[in-house]
Amino acid sequence: MRAEKIIEAKPIAEQLRDLIVKQYNLEPIRIKVKDTQRGWATYDTRLISVPIWAYLQGVEYFRAYVLHELSHFINYDTTKTFGHNENFFRIEKELLAGFGLVPIYKRVYLKALKNDKGDLI
């Protein structure tokens, strides 16, 4: 079942990646959807990995997770800084707002999402 879900989820992730790469004029970024515990962005190989469990939480949460990882590349490519710094969160919130999403954080990671009307998703 998870393999089928990875096949479903990957085009969503790729479409988001293509949109953001074009919008921010970024160098190409590869993306994988995997059966792992967490996602990551690797700057030297320009690779993002997104866990399939994020897709199983729903498409909106999955989009937010992909946008979170893409935010790392925008932050790095524009400021050469790493991690979850102030600029990273500004970028992430801006990207999410473009999809009508508002993040609720637990430390530095998304705990939940609200829509632009304030309703939990």
N, C-alpha and C. Protein backbone atom coordinates (compact mmCIF):
# COMPACT_ATOMS: atom_id res chain seq x y z
N MET A 1 0.82 -1.20 0.00
CA MET A 1 0.00 0.00 0.00
C MET A 1 0.86 1.26 0.00
N ARG A 2 1.91 1.29 0.81
CA ARG A 2 2.75 2.49 0.87
C ARG A 2 3.41 2.78 -0.48
N ALA A 3 3.79 1.75 -1.21
CA ALA A 3 4.40 1.96 -2.53
C ALA A 3 3.41 2.65 -3.47
N GLU A 4 2.15 2.24 -3.41
CA GLU A 4 1.12 2.89 -4.23
C GLU A 4 0.94 4.34 -3.83
N LYS A 5 0.97 4.61 -2.54
CA LYS A 5 0.82 5.99 -2.05
C LYS A 5 2.01 6.85 -2.46
N ILE A 6 3.21 6.27 -2.49
CA ILE A 6 4.39 7.02 -2.94
C ILE A 6 4.21 7.41 -4.40
N ILE A 7 3.70 6.50 -5.21
CA ILE A 7 3.45 6.79 -6.62
C ILE A 7 2.41 7.90 -6.76
N GLU A 8 1.40 7.93 -5.91
CA GLU A 8 0.38 8.99 -5.92
C GLU A 8 0.97 10.33 -5.50
N ALA A 9 1.81 10.29 -4.48
CA ALA A 9 2.30 11.53 -3.86
C ALA A 9 3.40 12.22 -4.68
N LYS A 10 4.23 11.45 -5.34
CA LYS A 10 5.40 12.04 -6.00
C LYS A 10 5.05 13.13 -7.02
N PRO A 11 4.04 12.95 -7.87
CA PRO A 11 3.72 14.04 -8.81
C PRO A 11 3.28 15.34 -8.12
N ILE A 12 2.64 15.22 -6.98
CA ILE A 12 2.24 16.42 -6.22
C ILE A 12 3.49 17.15 -5.76
N ALA A 13 4.44 16.40 -5.22
CA ALA A 13 5.70 16.99 -4.75
C ALA A 13 6.47 17.60 -5.91
N GLU A 14 6.52 16.92 -7.03
CA GLU A 14 7.27 17.42 -8.19
C GLU A 14 6.64 18.68 -8.76
N GLN A 15 5.32 18.72 -8.79
CA GLN A 15 4.63 19.91 -9.29
C GLN A 15 4.92 21.12 -8.41
N LEU A 16 4.87 20.93 -7.10
CA LEU A 16 5.20 22.01 -6.17
C LEU A 16 6.66 22.46 -6.36
N ARG A 17 7.55 21.49 -6.42
CA ARG A 17 8.96 21.80 -6.62
C ARG A 17 9.16 22.62 -7.89
N ASP A 18 8.56 22.19 -8.99
CA ASP A 18 8.73 22.89 -10.26
C ASP A 18 8.21 24.33 -10.18
N LEU A 19 7.08 24.50 -9.53
CA LEU A 19 6.50 25.83 -9.35
C LEU A 19 7.44 26.74 -8.55
N ILE A 20 7.94 26.25 -7.44
CA ILE A 20 8.79 27.05 -6.56
C ILE A 20 10.16 27.32 -7.19
N VAL A 21 10.73 26.32 -7.85
CA VAL A 21 12.02 26.50 -8.52
C VAL A 21 11.90 27.61 -9.56
N LYS A 22 10.83 27.60 -10.31
CA LYS A 22 10.62 28.63 -11.33
C LYS A 22 10.36 29.99 -10.68
N GLN A 23 9.50 30.02 -9.69
CA GLN A 23 9.13 31.29 -9.04
C GLN A 23 10.33 31.97 -8.40
N TYR A 24 11.22 31.20 -7.79
CA TYR A 24 12.37 31.76 -7.08
C TYR A 24 13.68 31.65 -7.88
N ASN A 25 13.58 31.19 -9.13
CA ASN A 25 14.74 31.07 -10.00
C ASN A 25 15.86 30.27 -9.33
N LEU A 26 15.50 29.10 -8.80
CA LEU A 26 16.46 28.25 -8.10
C LEU A 26 17.13 27.28 -9.06
N GLU A 27 18.30 26.82 -8.66
CA GLU A 27 18.94 25.73 -9.38
C GLU A 27 18.06 24.48 -9.22
N PRO A 28 18.16 23.52 -10.13
CA PRO A 28 17.31 22.32 -10.03
C PRO A 28 17.44 21.61 -8.68
N ILE A 29 16.32 21.07 -8.25
CA ILE A 29 16.24 20.32 -6.99
C ILE A 29 15.58 18.98 -7.30
N ARG A 30 16.21 17.91 -6.84
CA ARG A 30 15.62 16.57 -6.97
C ARG A 30 14.74 16.33 -5.75
N ILE A 31 13.74 15.49 -5.93
CA ILE A 31 12.84 15.22 -4.81
C ILE A 31 12.48 13.74 -4.79
N LYS A 32 12.47 13.17 -3.58
CA LYS A 32 12.07 11.78 -3.37
C LYS A 32 10.98 11.74 -2.31
N VAL A 33 10.06 10.83 -2.48
CA VAL A 33 9.07 10.53 -1.46
C VAL A 33 9.41 9.11 -1.00
N LYS A 34 9.64 8.98 0.31
CA LYS A 34 10.15 7.70 0.83
C LYS A 34 9.40 7.28 2.09
N ASP A 35 9.53 6.02 2.40
CA ASP A 35 8.95 5.49 3.64
C ASP A 35 9.99 5.66 4.75
N THR A 36 10.10 6.87 5.26
CA THR A 36 11.05 7.22 6.31
C THR A 36 10.33 7.96 7.42
N GLN A 37 11.03 8.19 8.52
CA GLN A 37 10.45 8.90 9.66
C GLN A 37 10.40 10.40 9.47
N ARG A 38 11.38 10.96 8.74
CA ARG A 38 11.41 12.41 8.59
C ARG A 38 11.95 12.78 7.22
N GLY A 39 11.72 14.02 6.85
CA GLY A 39 12.23 14.53 5.59
C GLY A 39 13.50 15.33 5.83
N TRP A 40 14.15 15.71 4.74
CA TRP A 40 15.35 16.53 4.83
C TRP A 40 15.63 17.20 3.51
N ALA A 41 16.46 18.22 3.58
CA ALA A 41 16.97 18.93 2.41
C ALA A 41 18.49 18.85 2.48
N THR A 42 19.10 18.33 1.43
CA THR A 42 20.55 18.21 1.38
C THR A 42 21.08 19.19 0.34
N TYR A 43 21.79 20.20 0.81
CA TYR A 43 22.20 21.29 -0.07
C TYR A 43 23.22 20.87 -1.12
N ASP A 44 24.21 20.06 -0.75
CA ASP A 44 25.27 19.75 -1.71
C ASP A 44 24.79 18.87 -2.86
N THR A 45 23.80 18.01 -2.63
CA THR A 45 23.26 17.17 -3.71
C THR A 45 21.95 17.72 -4.26
N ARG A 46 21.46 18.81 -3.68
CA ARG A 46 20.20 19.44 -4.10
C ARG A 46 19.07 18.42 -4.13
N LEU A 47 18.93 17.72 -3.00
CA LEU A 47 17.93 16.67 -2.87
C LEU A 47 17.03 16.93 -1.68
N ILE A 48 15.75 16.74 -1.91
CA ILE A 48 14.75 16.79 -0.84
C ILE A 48 14.16 15.40 -0.71
N SER A 49 13.98 14.96 0.53
CA SER A 49 13.29 13.72 0.81
C SER A 49 12.08 14.04 1.68
N VAL A 50 10.94 13.51 1.30
CA VAL A 50 9.69 13.76 2.03
C VAL A 50 9.11 12.41 2.45
N PRO A 51 8.76 12.25 3.72
CA PRO A 51 8.21 10.96 4.17
C PRO A 51 6.78 10.75 3.69
N ILE A 52 6.49 9.51 3.33
CA ILE A 52 5.15 9.19 2.84
C ILE A 52 4.09 9.39 3.93
N TRP A 53 4.46 9.28 5.21
CA TRP A 53 3.44 9.47 6.25
C TRP A 53 2.84 10.88 6.18
N ALA A 54 3.61 11.86 5.66
CA ALA A 54 3.06 13.22 5.52
C ALA A 54 1.90 13.23 4.52
N TYR A 55 2.02 12.44 3.46
CA TYR A 55 0.93 12.33 2.48
C TYR A 55 -0.28 11.64 3.10
N LEU A 56 -0.02 10.66 3.94
CA LEU A 56 -1.12 9.92 4.57
C LEU A 56 -1.90 10.80 5.57
N GLN A 57 -1.32 11.94 5.96
CA GLN A 57 -2.02 12.90 6.82
C GLN A 57 -3.00 13.76 6.03
N GLY A 58 -2.88 13.73 4.72
CA GLY A 58 -3.75 14.52 3.84
C GLY A 58 -2.92 15.35 2.88
N VAL A 59 -3.52 15.68 1.75
CA VAL A 59 -2.79 16.39 0.70
C VAL A 59 -2.30 17.76 1.17
N GLU A 60 -3.10 18.48 1.94
CA GLU A 60 -2.67 19.81 2.39
C GLU A 60 -1.45 19.71 3.30
N TYR A 61 -1.45 18.75 4.20
CA TYR A 61 -0.30 18.58 5.08
C TYR A 61 0.93 18.18 4.27
N PHE A 62 0.75 17.31 3.29
CA PHE A 62 1.85 16.90 2.43
C PHE A 62 2.43 18.10 1.68
N ARG A 63 1.55 18.93 1.11
CA ARG A 63 2.03 20.14 0.43
C ARG A 63 2.84 21.01 1.39
N ALA A 64 2.33 21.17 2.59
CA ALA A 64 3.04 22.00 3.58
C ALA A 64 4.40 21.40 3.90
N TYR A 65 4.49 20.09 3.98
CA TYR A 65 5.76 19.43 4.28
C TYR A 65 6.76 19.65 3.14
N VAL A 66 6.29 19.51 1.90
CA VAL A 66 7.15 19.77 0.74
C VAL A 66 7.60 21.22 0.73
N LEU A 67 6.68 22.13 0.99
CA LEU A 67 7.03 23.56 1.03
C LEU A 67 8.03 23.85 2.14
N HIS A 68 7.93 23.15 3.26
CA HIS A 68 8.90 23.31 4.35
C HIS A 68 10.29 22.97 3.84
N GLU A 69 10.43 21.83 3.18
CA GLU A 69 11.74 21.42 2.67
C GLU A 69 12.24 22.37 1.58
N LEU A 70 11.36 22.82 0.72
CA LEU A 70 11.76 23.78 -0.31
C LEU A 70 12.19 25.12 0.29
N SER A 71 11.60 25.48 1.42
CA SER A 71 11.98 26.72 2.10
C SER A 71 13.45 26.70 2.49
N HIS A 72 13.97 25.53 2.81
CA HIS A 72 15.39 25.42 3.13
C HIS A 72 16.26 25.85 1.94
N PHE A 73 15.88 25.43 0.74
CA PHE A 73 16.67 25.79 -0.44
C PHE A 73 16.54 27.27 -0.78
N ILE A 74 15.36 27.83 -0.65
CA ILE A 74 15.20 29.26 -0.91
C ILE A 74 16.06 30.04 0.08
N ASN A 75 15.99 29.67 1.35
CA ASN A 75 16.79 30.33 2.38
C ASN A 75 18.28 30.20 2.08
N TYR A 76 18.72 29.00 1.77
CA TYR A 76 20.14 28.78 1.51
C TYR A 76 20.59 29.50 0.23
N ASP A 77 19.82 29.39 -0.82
CA ASP A 77 20.22 29.99 -2.09
C ASP A 77 20.23 31.51 -2.05
N THR A 78 19.39 32.09 -1.22
CA THR A 78 19.33 33.56 -1.18
C THR A 78 20.19 34.18 -0.09
N THR A 79 20.45 33.45 1.00
CA THR A 79 21.21 34.04 2.11
C THR A 79 22.43 33.23 2.53
N LYS A 80 22.56 32.02 1.95
CA LYS A 80 23.66 31.09 2.32
C LYS A 80 23.63 30.74 3.81
N THR A 81 22.43 30.75 4.39
CA THR A 81 22.29 30.32 5.79
C THR A 81 21.51 29.01 5.82
N PHE A 82 21.74 28.26 6.87
CA PHE A 82 21.17 26.93 7.03
C PHE A 82 20.13 26.91 8.15
N GLY A 83 19.32 25.87 8.13
CA GLY A 83 18.49 25.58 9.28
C GLY A 83 17.22 26.40 9.40
N HIS A 84 16.67 26.37 10.59
CA HIS A 84 15.38 27.00 10.89
C HIS A 84 15.62 28.36 11.54
N ASN A 85 16.09 29.31 10.75
CA ASN A 85 16.32 30.65 11.27
C ASN A 85 15.13 31.56 10.93
N GLU A 86 15.23 32.80 11.33
CA GLU A 86 14.13 33.75 11.14
C GLU A 86 13.75 33.89 9.67
N ASN A 87 14.75 33.97 8.80
CA ASN A 87 14.47 34.12 7.37
C ASN A 87 13.77 32.87 6.82
N PHE A 88 14.19 31.69 7.29
CA PHE A 88 13.55 30.45 6.87
C PHE A 88 12.05 30.49 7.20
N PHE A 89 11.71 30.87 8.43
CA PHE A 89 10.30 30.89 8.82
C PHE A 89 9.51 31.93 8.03
N ARG A 90 10.12 33.05 7.72
CA ARG A 90 9.46 34.07 6.89
C ARG A 90 9.13 33.47 5.52
N ILE A 91 10.10 32.78 4.93
CA ILE A 91 9.90 32.16 3.62
C ILE A 91 8.81 31.09 3.70
N GLU A 92 8.91 30.22 4.70
CA GLU A 92 7.93 29.14 4.83
C GLU A 92 6.51 29.69 4.98
N LYS A 93 6.34 30.68 5.83
CA LYS A 93 5.01 31.26 6.03
C LYS A 93 4.49 31.91 4.75
N GLU A 94 5.39 32.55 4.00
CA GLU A 94 5.01 33.17 2.73
C GLU A 94 4.55 32.11 1.72
N LEU A 95 5.30 31.02 1.62
CA LEU A 95 4.91 29.94 0.71
C LEU A 95 3.57 29.33 1.11
N LEU A 96 3.41 29.04 2.39
CA LEU A 96 2.15 28.45 2.86
C LEU A 96 0.97 29.38 2.62
N ALA A 97 1.17 30.68 2.87
CA ALA A 97 0.10 31.65 2.65
C ALA A 97 -0.35 31.66 1.19
N GLY A 98 0.58 31.42 0.28
CA GLY A 98 0.24 31.35 -1.13
C GLY A 98 -0.73 30.22 -1.46
N PHE A 99 -0.82 29.25 -0.58
CA PHE A 99 -1.76 28.14 -0.74
C PHE A 99 -2.91 28.21 0.27
N GLY A 100 -3.05 29.38 0.91
CA GLY A 100 -4.13 29.57 1.89
C GLY A 100 -3.93 28.80 3.17
N LEU A 101 -2.65 28.52 3.53
CA LEU A 101 -2.35 27.74 4.72
C LEU A 101 -1.60 28.58 5.75
N VAL A 102 -1.93 28.33 7.02
CA VAL A 102 -1.27 29.02 8.14
C VAL A 102 -0.68 27.94 9.05
N PRO A 103 0.63 28.02 9.31
CA PRO A 103 1.26 26.96 10.12
C PRO A 103 1.02 27.13 11.62
N ILE A 104 0.93 26.01 12.29
CA ILE A 104 0.97 25.94 13.75
C ILE A 104 2.21 25.10 14.06
N TYR A 105 3.13 25.69 14.79
CA TYR A 105 4.42 25.04 15.01
C TYR A 105 4.51 24.34 16.36
N LYS A 106 5.27 23.27 16.38
CA LYS A 106 5.76 22.65 17.60
C LYS A 106 7.27 22.73 17.47
N ARG A 107 7.86 23.61 18.23
CA ARG A 107 9.26 23.97 18.08
C ARG A 107 9.48 24.54 16.68
N VAL A 108 10.23 23.84 15.84
CA VAL A 108 10.51 24.38 14.52
C VAL A 108 9.76 23.65 13.40
N TYR A 109 8.93 22.66 13.76
CA TYR A 109 8.24 21.87 12.75
C TYR A 109 6.74 22.10 12.79
N LEU A 110 6.10 21.84 11.66
CA LEU A 110 4.66 21.96 11.58
C LEU A 110 3.99 20.93 12.49
N LYS A 111 3.11 21.41 13.33
CA LYS A 111 2.31 20.53 14.18
C LYS A 111 0.94 20.33 13.53
N ALA A 112 0.43 21.43 12.98
CA ALA A 112 -0.88 21.41 12.35
C ALA A 112 -0.97 22.59 11.40
N LEU A 113 -2.07 22.65 10.67
CA LEU A 113 -2.32 23.74 9.73
C LEU A 113 -3.71 24.29 9.92
N LYS A 114 -3.83 25.57 9.65
CA LYS A 114 -5.13 26.22 9.57
C LYS A 114 -5.29 26.73 8.15
N ASN A 115 -6.56 26.86 7.74
CA ASN A 115 -6.77 27.53 6.46
C ASN A 115 -6.79 29.03 6.72
N ASP A 116 -6.90 29.82 5.67
CA ASP A 116 -6.83 31.27 5.84
C ASP A 116 -8.05 31.85 6.56
N LYS A 117 -9.05 31.01 6.88
CA LYS A 117 -10.19 31.43 7.68
C LYS A 117 -10.00 31.10 9.15
N GLY A 118 -8.89 30.40 9.47
CA GLY A 118 -8.59 30.05 10.86
C GLY A 118 -9.06 28.68 11.29
N ASP A 119 -9.65 27.93 10.36
CA ASP A 119 -10.13 26.58 10.69
C ASP A 119 -8.98 25.58 10.62
N LEU A 120 -8.92 24.66 11.57
CA LEU A 120 -7.92 23.59 11.51
C LEU A 120 -8.17 22.69 10.33
N ILE A 121 -7.10 22.28 9.70
CA ILE A 121 -7.21 21.37 8.54
C ILE A 121 -6.87 19.97 9.01
